[in-house]
Amino acid sequence: MGEKRITPTSSGNPAVGFLRRFPGIPAAVTAVLMLALTGNQIGNNHVTFAIMLAGFAVILTAGIILRAKGRLTDDVLILLLFTAGFWLRLCYILYTDVTARQNDVADFRDGYTGRIFSHADYIIYIRDHLSLPDFDVTKHGQFYHPPFHHFVCAMFLKVYELFLPSGTHNYESLQTLTLLYSFGCQYYMFRMLRLLGIKGKGLVNAALILAAFPSITLFAGSVNNDILSLMLFFGAFYYGFKWYGEGKTKDIIISALFTGFGMMTKLSVGLIAFPMGFLFIAKFIKDIRAKKGLKTFGQLASFGVIAAPLGLWYSIRNLIRYNTPLGYVLKLDIKHMDISRFTVKERLFGFYGFPIEDYFTNMGSDGEQDYNIFITQVKTMLFEYENCRDDMLMTLTGYFLLLITLALIFLSFAGIIYLLVTIRKRGSVTEEIALVILFVAEIVSTIVFSLKYPAICSQDFRYDFPALLTGVFAIALLSGSKPCEKLPGKGLRLLCIAFFVMSAAYYAILWTYVKGAAVIVEPTW
């Protein structure tokens, strides 16, 4: 299997061909230009919204004109969708402060203060000291994470601050990196779908789901280590699949580098071992039969030699120097987020007013808690921890987005069943099984993690985000199936369009929501 077997519809336009090959260039130029012009923050959100609407109007007008001229091919439509998604995320970071809707980032201050539980501290420490932490990381919150993301952020600040007046800082600039990482995450996911033979209506439906996917929009403005680890995860997966199909040593080396740097960003990237391990074993057996086993063994050995040291050195260093357990995770001590009193049965099967009465995340601060793992997954997938119950516009938009998402989730599970039933009809059995293994590994890992660390935030969708790839692939596969073609009114396509529109609408108008002061209710449980 390789990309040579894919024959997507071509636009015949050299510009479109260039953008398909090098989409990161215009994205990077646009992001850096916006950083130079605005510092990644516009004080007046109405101005940001006007800029956002103007961009959407240009993209929509281009689509209408191209359609009228008969030049709106699948490739061009997909390009416009991802352009609109990128524009949405760029405007999102313009109206989103670097302290808003973050996970474990806290606030940035000039100089490391010794506070715990802060990715911001971690970045500032490396920037100011140009060294790794020289203390027991188990006593300093987020410092237990591997340092690659924080190192890149620190070096970015060092370079960027050369262009600022002496002694001044602009931590909003870090969202330039996360914006580009979010684009890279989408890019590798989409290339995976092409590599697996998805095309036509299935590819367009996949683009509609991914282009403005809520979690990816949130990741664009979130300056912790999540989105870089995901981009590297999908990059490693993509090149691993290419290697399986083509057997080129360069692909396995690139995959190893992505894996190693991914684990140097966040150890959870190591879950890639399950689907990739299956691919490795399958290819090794196949190549032994073809008397090419020695070469494959050498390639696999090179993967281990590169990925393992890159991914594990920080954990081993802390084990040796501070006796930090391998796989150490910071345990929260926040009473209103503690859900340890709920049974395993309640955590897996307990339901409570969802989705009719309750669809924004309950973080316990108001006396209500989300304790069901799967309900919390859906909520955080769409809204993270934003709670807009007191705003009618946000509530209605969020509610329709939720209902559409639940329908797509149902169809994704139907698509996985369809995948397994019809898997022998396609020429990528091993690769599709690897995708199912990825899905199972991520879901099981999240359940185990959530039960081991019983806090509301442990159930966050960001911990098993890679499972989205399998779900989108299943929907794309279902799009071209005979059962789907019999649906009235092109039902699946309309559902995907609705998801794109409502996702974009929710995050386009989120700037209007003004959150009141948080009221922490003393837990009574």
Protein backbone atom coordinates (compact mmCIF):
# COMPACT_ATOMS: atom_id res chain seq x y z
CA MET A 1 0.00 0.00 0.00
CA GLY A 2 1.23 3.51 -0.76
CA GLU A 3 0.05 6.89 -1.92
CA LYS A 4 0.60 5.84 -5.54
CA ARG A 5 -2.63 3.82 -5.39
CA ILE A 6 -4.68 6.91 -4.59
CA THR A 7 -6.19 8.80 -7.48
CA PRO A 8 -8.03 11.78 -6.03
CA THR A 9 -9.93 14.14 -8.27
CA SER A 10 -7.51 16.71 -9.62
CA SER A 11 -8.34 20.32 -10.23
CA GLY A 12 -5.72 20.75 -12.93
CA ASN A 13 -4.83 24.07 -11.29
CA PRO A 14 -1.09 24.50 -10.56
CA ALA A 15 -1.86 26.71 -7.55
CA VAL A 16 -4.12 24.07 -6.05
CA GLY A 17 -1.48 21.42 -6.76
CA PHE A 18 1.16 23.50 -4.97
CA LEU A 19 -1.10 24.04 -1.95
CA ARG A 20 -1.82 20.31 -1.79
CA ARG A 21 1.90 19.56 -1.71
CA PHE A 22 3.02 22.43 0.56
CA PRO A 23 0.00 23.61 2.57
CA GLY A 24 2.14 24.54 5.56
CA ILE A 25 3.89 27.40 3.73
CA PRO A 26 0.88 29.75 3.37
CA ALA A 27 -0.31 28.75 6.85
CA ALA A 28 3.05 29.63 8.41
CA VAL A 29 3.35 32.89 6.47
CA THR A 30 -0.17 33.93 7.50
CA ALA A 31 0.45 33.05 11.15
CA VAL A 32 3.76 34.94 11.33
CA LEU A 33 2.30 37.94 9.48
CA MET A 34 -0.62 38.11 11.92
CA LEU A 35 1.82 37.85 14.83
CA ALA A 36 3.85 40.75 13.43
CA LEU A 37 0.76 42.91 12.86
CA THR A 38 -1.21 42.20 16.03
CA GLY A 39 1.01 40.37 18.50
CA ASN A 40 -1.69 37.62 18.36
CA GLN A 41 -4.19 39.72 20.26
CA ILE A 42 -6.67 42.41 19.18
CA GLY A 43 -8.05 44.42 22.06
CA ASN A 44 -11.44 44.99 20.43
CA ASN A 45 -13.25 41.70 19.85
CA HIS A 46 -15.69 43.40 17.48
CA VAL A 47 -12.74 44.16 15.19
CA THR A 48 -11.65 40.52 15.40
CA PHE A 49 -15.15 39.37 14.52
CA ALA A 50 -15.28 41.75 11.55
CA ILE A 51 -11.95 40.39 10.31
CA MET A 52 -13.25 36.84 10.77
CA LEU A 53 -16.45 37.54 8.81
CA ALA A 54 -14.49 39.24 6.04
CA GLY A 55 -12.26 36.18 5.67
CA PHE A 56 -15.22 33.81 5.60
CA ALA A 57 -16.92 36.04 3.01
CA VAL A 58 -13.88 35.88 0.73
CA ILE A 59 -13.67 32.09 1.02
CA LEU A 60 -17.42 31.66 0.41
CA THR A 61 -17.34 34.03 -2.58
CA ALA A 62 -14.43 32.12 -4.08
CA GLY A 63 -16.39 28.87 -3.69
CA ILE A 64 -19.50 30.35 -5.35
CA ILE A 65 -17.52 31.72 -8.28
CA LEU A 66 -15.62 28.47 -8.81
CA ARG A 67 -18.85 26.48 -8.65
CA ALA A 68 -20.47 28.76 -11.22
CA LYS A 69 -17.50 28.20 -13.54
CA GLY A 70 -17.60 24.43 -13.00
CA ARG A 71 -14.18 24.39 -11.35
CA LEU A 72 -15.20 23.48 -7.80
CA THR A 73 -13.63 20.01 -7.78
CA ASP A 74 -13.32 17.88 -4.66
CA ASP A 75 -9.73 19.02 -4.22
CA VAL A 76 -10.66 22.70 -4.43
CA LEU A 77 -13.63 22.27 -2.07
CA ILE A 78 -11.43 20.49 0.48
CA LEU A 79 -8.83 23.24 0.18
CA LEU A 80 -11.49 25.90 0.83
CA LEU A 81 -12.83 23.99 3.84
CA PHE A 82 -9.43 23.70 5.48
CA THR A 83 -8.67 27.33 4.66
CA ALA A 84 -11.90 28.34 6.42
CA GLY A 85 -10.97 26.14 9.40
CA PHE A 86 -7.50 27.66 9.62
CA TRP A 87 -8.96 31.16 9.40
CA LEU A 88 -11.40 30.32 12.20
CA ARG A 89 -8.57 29.15 14.45
CA LEU A 90 -6.40 32.15 13.62
CA CYS A 91 -9.22 34.54 14.58
CA TYR A 92 -9.92 32.40 17.65
CA ILE A 93 -6.42 33.04 19.00
CA LEU A 94 -6.83 36.76 18.27
CA TYR A 95 -9.78 37.01 20.65
CA THR A 96 -8.54 34.36 23.11
CA ASP A 97 -6.09 35.44 25.78
CA VAL A 98 -3.20 33.10 26.49
CA THR A 99 -4.69 32.49 29.95
CA ALA A 100 -8.20 31.65 28.66
CA ARG A 101 -9.47 28.08 28.11
CA GLN A 102 -6.12 26.54 29.02
CA ASN A 103 -5.24 23.24 30.69
CA ASP A 104 -2.77 23.46 33.57
CA VAL A 105 -1.10 26.56 32.15
CA ALA A 106 -1.98 29.11 34.89
CA ASP A 107 -0.58 32.57 34.13
CA PHE A 108 2.73 33.83 32.80
CA ARG A 109 4.90 35.98 35.02
CA ASP A 110 8.32 37.46 34.55
CA GLY A 111 10.66 34.97 36.11
CA TYR A 112 10.09 31.54 37.59
CA THR A 113 8.21 31.89 40.89
CA GLY A 114 8.41 28.33 42.18
CA ARG A 115 4.65 27.80 41.92
CA ILE A 116 3.41 24.32 41.09
CA PHE A 117 0.90 23.09 38.53
CA SER A 118 1.90 25.33 35.67
CA HIS A 119 3.12 24.77 32.13
CA ALA A 120 3.74 28.53 32.06
CA ASP A 121 6.30 28.18 34.85
CA TYR A 122 7.97 25.32 33.00
CA ILE A 123 8.39 27.43 29.84
CA ILE A 124 9.62 30.47 31.75
CA TYR A 125 12.07 28.37 33.78
CA ILE A 126 13.75 27.01 30.64
CA ARG A 127 13.74 30.43 28.99
CA ASP A 128 15.42 32.08 31.97
CA HIS A 129 17.80 29.28 33.00
CA LEU A 130 18.49 27.65 29.62
CA SER A 131 18.59 24.34 31.45
CA LEU A 132 16.39 21.47 32.55
CA PRO A 133 14.80 21.50 36.01
CA ASP A 134 17.41 20.66 38.64
CA PHE A 135 14.93 19.57 41.31
CA ASP A 136 12.54 16.74 42.10
CA VAL A 137 9.83 17.17 39.47
CA THR A 138 7.22 15.35 41.55
CA LYS A 139 7.12 18.42 43.79
CA HIS A 140 6.74 20.93 40.98
CA GLY A 141 3.46 20.18 39.23
CA GLN A 142 3.72 20.03 35.47
CA PHE A 143 7.52 19.78 35.46
CA TYR A 144 7.18 16.00 35.39
CA HIS A 145 6.27 16.23 31.69
CA PRO A 146 9.05 15.66 29.14
CA PRO A 147 10.51 19.01 28.07
CA PHE A 148 10.37 19.19 24.26
CA HIS A 149 7.29 21.43 23.95
CA HIS A 150 8.44 23.69 26.76
CA PHE A 151 11.94 23.93 25.27
CA VAL A 152 10.57 24.91 21.84
CA CYS A 153 8.31 27.54 23.45
CA ALA A 154 11.20 28.92 25.52
CA MET A 155 13.48 29.22 22.49
CA PHE A 156 10.68 30.80 20.47
CA LEU A 157 10.23 33.44 23.19
CA LYS A 158 13.99 34.05 23.28
CA VAL A 159 14.08 34.75 19.53
CA TYR A 160 10.80 36.69 19.38
CA GLU A 161 11.77 38.93 22.28
CA LEU A 162 14.80 40.11 20.31
CA PHE A 163 12.30 42.12 18.24
CA LEU A 164 10.54 43.62 21.28
CA PRO A 165 11.60 46.57 23.42
CA SER A 166 14.10 45.53 26.07
CA GLY A 167 12.55 43.89 29.10
CA THR A 168 9.10 43.36 27.55
CA HIS A 169 7.34 40.09 26.82
CA ASN A 170 4.43 38.92 24.72
CA TYR A 171 3.34 35.46 25.80
CA GLU A 172 0.42 35.62 23.36
CA SER A 173 3.02 34.91 20.69
CA LEU A 174 3.18 31.27 21.82
CA GLN A 175 -0.22 30.73 20.20
CA THR A 176 1.53 31.08 16.85
CA LEU A 177 3.18 27.73 17.54
CA THR A 178 0.02 25.99 18.73
CA LEU A 179 -1.93 27.38 15.76
CA LEU A 180 0.59 25.80 13.39
CA TYR A 181 0.65 22.56 15.37
CA SER A 182 -3.14 22.36 15.05
CA PHE A 183 -2.77 22.73 11.29
CA GLY A 184 -0.07 20.04 11.24
CA CYS A 185 -2.32 17.72 13.23
CA GLN A 186 -5.11 18.10 10.64
CA TYR A 187 -2.62 17.77 7.80
CA TYR A 188 -1.27 14.38 8.88
CA MET A 189 -4.72 13.06 9.75
CA PHE A 190 -5.97 13.98 6.30
CA ARG A 191 -2.92 12.52 4.58
CA MET A 192 -3.58 9.31 6.46
CA LEU A 193 -7.09 9.17 5.00
CA ARG A 194 -5.73 9.68 1.46
CA LEU A 195 -3.09 7.04 2.08
CA LEU A 196 -5.79 4.58 3.13
CA GLY A 197 -7.67 5.06 -0.13
CA ILE A 198 -10.42 7.45 0.96
CA LYS A 199 -11.54 9.69 -1.90
CA GLY A 200 -14.57 11.36 -3.45
CA LYS A 201 -17.54 12.01 -1.18
CA GLY A 202 -15.86 10.20 1.72
CA LEU A 203 -12.87 12.54 1.59
CA VAL A 204 -15.10 15.62 1.42
CA ASN A 205 -17.13 14.39 4.41
CA ALA A 206 -13.91 13.81 6.34
CA ALA A 207 -12.78 17.36 5.51
CA LEU A 208 -16.11 18.74 6.73
CA ILE A 209 -15.60 17.00 10.08
CA LEU A 210 -11.92 17.84 10.55
CA ALA A 211 -11.71 21.38 9.16
CA ALA A 212 -13.46 23.12 12.08
CA PHE A 213 -13.40 20.31 14.64
CA PRO A 214 -13.98 21.94 18.07
CA SER A 215 -11.10 20.27 19.92
CA ILE A 216 -8.64 21.33 17.22
CA THR A 217 -9.88 24.92 17.47
CA LEU A 218 -9.35 24.83 21.24
CA PHE A 219 -5.91 23.27 20.80
CA ALA A 220 -4.92 26.15 18.51
CA GLY A 221 -5.06 28.52 21.45
CA SER A 222 -3.93 26.14 24.20
CA VAL A 223 -0.23 26.51 25.00
CA ASN A 224 0.28 23.30 26.95
CA ASN A 225 1.93 20.26 25.35
CA ASP A 226 -1.19 18.51 24.01
CA ILE A 227 -1.34 19.68 20.40
CA LEU A 228 2.37 19.27 19.63
CA SER A 229 2.24 15.71 20.96
CA LEU A 230 -0.80 14.99 18.76
CA MET A 231 0.81 16.43 15.65
CA LEU A 232 3.88 14.29 16.23
CA PHE A 233 1.69 11.24 16.95
CA PHE A 234 -0.13 11.52 13.63
CA GLY A 235 3.10 12.29 11.79
CA ALA A 236 4.65 9.13 13.21
CA PHE A 237 1.56 7.12 12.31
CA TYR A 238 1.48 8.46 8.75
CA TYR A 239 5.11 7.66 8.01
CA GLY A 240 4.76 4.29 9.70
CA PHE A 241 1.91 3.46 7.32
CA LYS A 242 3.95 4.68 4.36
CA TRP A 243 6.80 2.45 5.43
CA TYR A 244 4.46 -0.53 5.71
CA GLY A 245 3.27 0.00 2.14
CA GLU A 246 6.53 0.97 0.47
CA GLY A 247 9.27 -0.41 2.72
CA LYS A 248 11.49 2.67 2.44
CA THR A 249 14.05 3.11 5.20
CA LYS A 250 13.65 6.91 5.19
CA ASP A 251 9.98 6.55 6.15
CA ILE A 252 10.68 4.32 9.15
CA ILE A 253 13.39 6.73 10.32
CA ILE A 254 11.06 9.73 10.01
CA SER A 255 8.39 7.78 11.89
CA ALA A 256 10.92 6.99 14.62
CA LEU A 257 11.88 10.65 14.93
CA PHE A 258 8.24 11.72 15.17
CA THR A 259 7.62 9.03 17.78
CA GLY A 260 10.69 9.92 19.82
CA PHE A 261 10.05 13.66 19.81
CA GLY A 262 6.37 12.96 20.46
CA MET A 263 7.19 11.01 23.62
CA MET A 264 9.68 13.75 24.51
CA THR A 265 6.63 16.02 24.44
CA LYS A 266 4.14 13.77 26.23
CA LEU A 267 4.63 10.14 27.21
CA SER A 268 1.09 9.20 26.15
CA VAL A 269 2.36 9.25 22.56
CA GLY A 270 3.82 5.86 23.49
CA LEU A 271 0.35 4.36 22.93
CA ILE A 272 1.27 4.39 19.25
CA ALA A 273 3.18 1.20 20.07
CA PHE A 274 -0.05 -0.84 19.87
CA PRO A 275 -1.13 -0.08 16.28
CA MET A 276 2.43 0.39 15.04
CA GLY A 277 3.57 -2.80 16.75
CA PHE A 278 0.85 -4.68 14.89
CA LEU A 279 2.05 -3.18 11.59
CA PHE A 280 5.65 -4.08 12.42
CA ILE A 281 4.80 -7.71 13.19
CA ALA A 282 2.60 -8.07 10.12
CA LYS A 283 5.25 -6.65 7.80
CA PHE A 284 8.05 -8.66 9.37
CA ILE A 285 6.12 -11.91 8.87
CA LYS A 286 5.23 -10.96 5.30
CA ASP A 287 8.82 -10.03 4.46
CA ILE A 288 10.22 -13.22 6.02
CA ARG A 289 8.03 -15.16 3.63
CA ALA A 290 9.37 -13.01 0.79
CA LYS A 291 12.95 -13.61 2.04
CA LYS A 292 13.38 -9.92 2.92
CA GLY A 293 13.17 -10.37 6.68
CA LEU A 294 16.74 -9.27 7.40
CA LYS A 295 16.22 -5.84 5.85
CA THR A 296 12.93 -5.36 7.71
CA PHE A 297 14.52 -6.44 10.99
CA GLY A 298 17.25 -3.84 10.45
CA GLN A 299 14.64 -1.15 9.79
CA LEU A 300 12.71 -2.07 12.93
CA ALA A 301 15.92 -2.06 14.95
CA SER A 302 16.73 1.42 13.65
CA PHE A 303 13.26 2.56 14.74
CA GLY A 304 13.87 1.34 18.28
CA VAL A 305 17.39 2.77 18.45
CA ILE A 306 16.07 6.21 17.46
CA ALA A 307 12.67 6.37 19.16
CA ALA A 308 13.40 4.79 22.55
CA PRO A 309 16.28 7.07 23.68
CA LEU A 310 14.52 10.20 22.40
CA GLY A 311 11.27 9.31 24.09
CA LEU A 312 12.46 7.95 27.43
CA TRP A 313 15.64 9.80 28.38
CA TYR A 314 13.89 12.42 30.54
CA SER A 315 11.95 9.82 32.50
CA ILE A 316 15.08 7.73 33.03
CA ARG A 317 17.04 10.84 34.07
CA ASN A 318 14.44 11.68 36.72
CA LEU A 319 14.32 8.06 37.87
CA ILE A 320 18.10 8.03 38.41
CA ARG A 321 18.43 11.51 39.91
CA TYR A 322 15.23 11.81 41.95
CA ASN A 323 13.81 8.28 42.08
CA THR A 324 10.75 9.48 40.13
CA PRO A 325 8.64 6.45 39.15
CA LEU A 326 8.48 5.73 35.43
CA GLY A 327 5.11 6.85 34.15
CA TYR A 328 4.62 9.23 37.08
CA VAL A 329 1.45 11.37 36.82
CA LEU A 330 0.61 14.32 39.02
CA LYS A 331 -2.36 13.58 41.30
CA LEU A 332 -4.84 16.40 41.79
CA ASP A 333 -5.92 17.49 45.23
CA ILE A 334 -8.96 19.58 44.29
CA LYS A 335 -11.97 18.49 46.32
CA HIS A 336 -14.70 19.71 43.99
CA MET A 337 -13.15 17.72 41.08
CA ASP A 338 -12.77 14.50 43.07
CA ILE A 339 -15.15 11.78 41.82
CA SER A 340 -13.65 8.84 43.70
CA ARG A 341 -16.92 8.22 45.55
CA PHE A 342 -18.60 6.98 42.35
CA THR A 343 -18.47 3.27 41.54
CA VAL A 344 -16.94 1.82 38.39
CA LYS A 345 -20.45 0.97 37.22
CA GLU A 346 -21.54 4.59 37.64
CA ARG A 347 -18.39 5.87 35.92
CA LEU A 348 -19.08 3.67 32.89
CA PHE A 349 -22.87 3.41 32.73
CA GLY A 350 -24.34 6.12 34.95
CA PHE A 351 -26.39 8.74 33.10
CA TYR A 352 -27.86 11.99 34.37
CA GLY A 353 -29.93 14.37 32.28
CA PHE A 354 -27.67 14.12 29.25
CA PRO A 355 -28.09 15.35 26.53
CA ILE A 356 -31.46 17.03 27.06
CA GLU A 357 -30.90 18.94 30.29
CA ASP A 358 -27.16 18.97 30.71
CA TYR A 359 -24.55 19.34 27.99
CA PHE A 360 -21.85 21.72 29.20
CA THR A 361 -19.11 20.25 31.38
CA ASN A 362 -19.76 20.21 35.15
CA MET A 363 -16.42 20.79 36.89
CA GLY A 364 -17.77 20.48 40.42
CA SER A 365 -17.26 24.15 41.31
CA ASP A 366 -21.03 24.74 41.26
CA GLY A 367 -21.87 21.55 43.13
CA GLU A 368 -22.52 19.46 40.01
CA GLN A 369 -20.03 16.90 38.71
CA ASP A 370 -19.56 14.95 35.50
CA TYR A 371 -18.61 11.49 36.65
CA ASN A 372 -19.48 9.38 33.58
CA ILE A 373 -16.37 8.94 31.44
CA PHE A 374 -18.12 8.84 28.08
CA ILE A 375 -20.46 11.76 28.73
CA THR A 376 -17.50 13.87 29.79
CA GLN A 377 -15.65 12.79 26.65
CA VAL A 378 -18.42 14.15 24.42
CA LYS A 379 -18.72 17.39 26.39
CA THR A 380 -14.99 18.13 26.41
CA MET A 381 -14.72 17.16 22.74
CA LEU A 382 -17.02 20.05 21.88
CA PHE A 383 -16.73 22.61 24.67
CA GLU A 384 -13.79 21.58 26.86
CA TYR A 385 -14.57 23.21 30.23
CA GLU A 386 -16.44 26.25 28.92
CA ASN A 387 -19.86 26.56 30.53
CA CYS A 388 -22.21 28.92 28.67
CA ARG A 389 -25.48 27.98 30.36
CA ASP A 390 -26.30 31.59 31.17
CA ASP A 391 -26.11 32.77 27.55
CA MET A 392 -29.05 31.92 25.27
CA LEU A 393 -27.15 32.27 21.97
CA MET A 394 -24.25 30.08 23.09
CA THR A 395 -26.62 27.55 24.69
CA LEU A 396 -28.73 27.08 21.56
CA THR A 397 -25.68 26.89 19.26
CA GLY A 398 -24.00 24.41 21.57
CA TYR A 399 -27.13 22.30 21.86
CA PHE A 400 -27.56 21.88 18.10
CA LEU A 401 -23.84 21.14 17.77
CA LEU A 402 -24.19 18.47 20.45
CA LEU A 403 -27.14 16.74 18.77
CA ILE A 404 -25.33 16.69 15.40
CA THR A 405 -22.20 15.31 17.08
CA LEU A 406 -24.13 12.52 18.80
CA ALA A 407 -25.54 11.47 15.41
CA LEU A 408 -22.03 11.42 13.93
CA ILE A 409 -20.70 9.41 16.87
CA PHE A 410 -23.44 6.84 16.31
CA LEU A 411 -22.56 6.70 12.59
CA SER A 412 -18.85 6.36 13.36
CA PHE A 413 -19.54 3.25 15.45
CA ALA A 414 -21.76 1.95 12.63
CA GLY A 415 -18.89 2.69 10.27
CA ILE A 416 -16.43 0.72 12.40
CA ILE A 417 -18.78 -2.26 12.30
CA TYR A 418 -19.11 -1.82 8.53
CA LEU A 419 -15.30 -1.64 8.30
CA LEU A 420 -14.88 -4.94 10.14
CA VAL A 421 -17.63 -6.72 8.19
CA THR A 422 -16.35 -5.62 4.77
CA ILE A 423 -12.62 -5.42 5.51
CA ARG A 424 -11.64 -8.22 3.11
CA LYS A 425 -13.23 -6.41 0.18
CA ARG A 426 -10.52 -3.75 0.28
CA GLY A 427 -6.78 -4.03 -0.19
CA SER A 428 -5.69 -2.64 3.17
CA VAL A 429 -6.71 -5.24 5.75
CA THR A 430 -3.64 -4.84 7.96
CA GLU A 431 -3.77 -1.05 7.95
CA GLU A 432 -7.48 -0.97 8.81
CA ILE A 433 -6.99 -3.46 11.64
CA ALA A 434 -4.22 -1.16 12.93
CA LEU A 435 -6.72 1.71 12.95
CA VAL A 436 -9.18 -0.35 14.98
CA ILE A 437 -6.35 -1.29 17.38
CA LEU A 438 -5.56 2.42 17.72
CA PHE A 439 -9.20 3.13 18.58
CA VAL A 440 -9.41 0.34 21.17
CA ALA A 441 -6.03 1.20 22.74
CA GLU A 442 -6.97 4.86 23.16
CA ILE A 443 -10.42 4.14 24.63
CA VAL A 444 -9.13 1.46 27.02
CA SER A 445 -6.23 3.67 28.08
CA THR A 446 -8.58 6.55 28.85
CA ILE A 447 -10.90 4.32 30.89
CA VAL A 448 -7.99 2.91 32.90
CA PHE A 449 -6.48 6.37 33.39
CA SER A 450 -9.82 7.86 34.45
CA LEU A 451 -10.47 5.10 36.98
CA LYS A 452 -6.93 5.22 38.36
CA TYR A 453 -7.02 9.02 38.74
CA PRO A 454 -10.68 9.76 39.61
CA ALA A 455 -10.94 13.45 38.80
CA ILE A 456 -13.31 15.13 36.35
CA CYS A 457 -10.45 16.39 34.17
CA SER A 458 -9.01 12.86 33.83
CA GLN A 459 -11.94 12.06 31.54
CA ASP A 460 -11.02 14.76 29.01
CA PHE A 461 -11.29 13.89 25.31
CA ARG A 462 -7.81 15.28 24.73
CA TYR A 463 -6.41 12.12 26.33
CA ASP A 464 -7.76 9.85 23.60
CA PHE A 465 -7.99 12.33 20.75
CA PRO A 466 -6.11 9.97 18.33
CA ALA A 467 -9.21 7.72 18.35
CA LEU A 468 -10.84 10.46 16.25
CA LEU A 469 -8.82 9.28 13.25
CA THR A 470 -10.53 5.88 13.32
CA GLY A 471 -13.95 7.47 13.75
CA VAL A 472 -13.47 9.85 10.80
CA PHE A 473 -12.09 7.04 8.65
CA ALA A 474 -15.14 4.93 9.48
CA ILE A 475 -17.54 7.74 8.51
CA ALA A 476 -15.59 8.39 5.29
CA LEU A 477 -15.74 4.67 4.49
CA LEU A 478 -19.45 4.59 5.23
CA SER A 479 -19.99 7.56 2.90
CA GLY A 480 -19.33 5.44 -0.17
CA SER A 481 -21.15 2.34 1.03
CA LYS A 482 -24.35 1.02 -0.52
CA PRO A 483 -26.35 1.38 2.73
CA CYS A 484 -25.37 5.04 2.95
CA GLU A 485 -26.20 5.76 -0.68
CA LYS A 486 -29.79 4.68 0.02
CA LEU A 487 -30.25 7.33 2.73
CA PRO A 488 -32.77 10.01 1.67
CA GLY A 489 -31.57 13.51 0.84
CA LYS A 490 -27.89 12.72 1.06
CA GLY A 491 -28.33 12.49 4.82
CA LEU A 492 -24.70 11.87 5.82
CA ARG A 493 -23.36 14.73 3.69
CA LEU A 494 -25.93 17.11 5.16
CA LEU A 495 -25.00 15.96 8.66
CA CYS A 496 -21.30 16.62 7.99
CA ILE A 497 -22.10 20.06 6.54
CA ALA A 498 -24.21 20.85 9.61
CA PHE A 499 -21.34 19.79 11.88
CA PHE A 500 -18.89 22.05 10.05
CA VAL A 501 -21.28 25.02 10.11
CA MET A 502 -22.27 24.66 13.77
CA SER A 503 -18.69 24.05 14.93
CA ALA A 504 -17.53 27.17 13.10
CA ALA A 505 -20.53 29.16 14.36
CA TYR A 506 -19.95 28.20 18.00
CA TYR A 507 -16.31 29.27 18.02
CA ALA A 508 -16.97 32.29 15.83
CA ILE A 509 -19.40 33.72 18.40
CA LEU A 510 -17.71 32.48 21.56
CA TRP A 511 -16.01 35.89 21.85
CA THR A 512 -19.42 37.36 22.75
CA TYR A 513 -19.69 35.24 25.89
CA VAL A 514 -18.63 37.06 29.03
CA LYS A 515 -18.03 34.64 31.88
CA GLY A 516 -18.94 35.78 35.35
CA ALA A 517 -16.80 35.18 38.40
CA ALA A 518 -16.53 31.52 39.32
CA VAL A 519 -18.47 30.53 42.42
CA ILE A 520 -16.81 27.63 44.21
CA VAL A 521 -19.33 25.59 46.16
CA GLU A 522 -17.88 23.79 49.16
CA PRO A 523 -18.25 20.05 48.44
CA THR A 524 -20.78 18.27 50.64
CA TRP A 525 -20.04 14.75 49.42
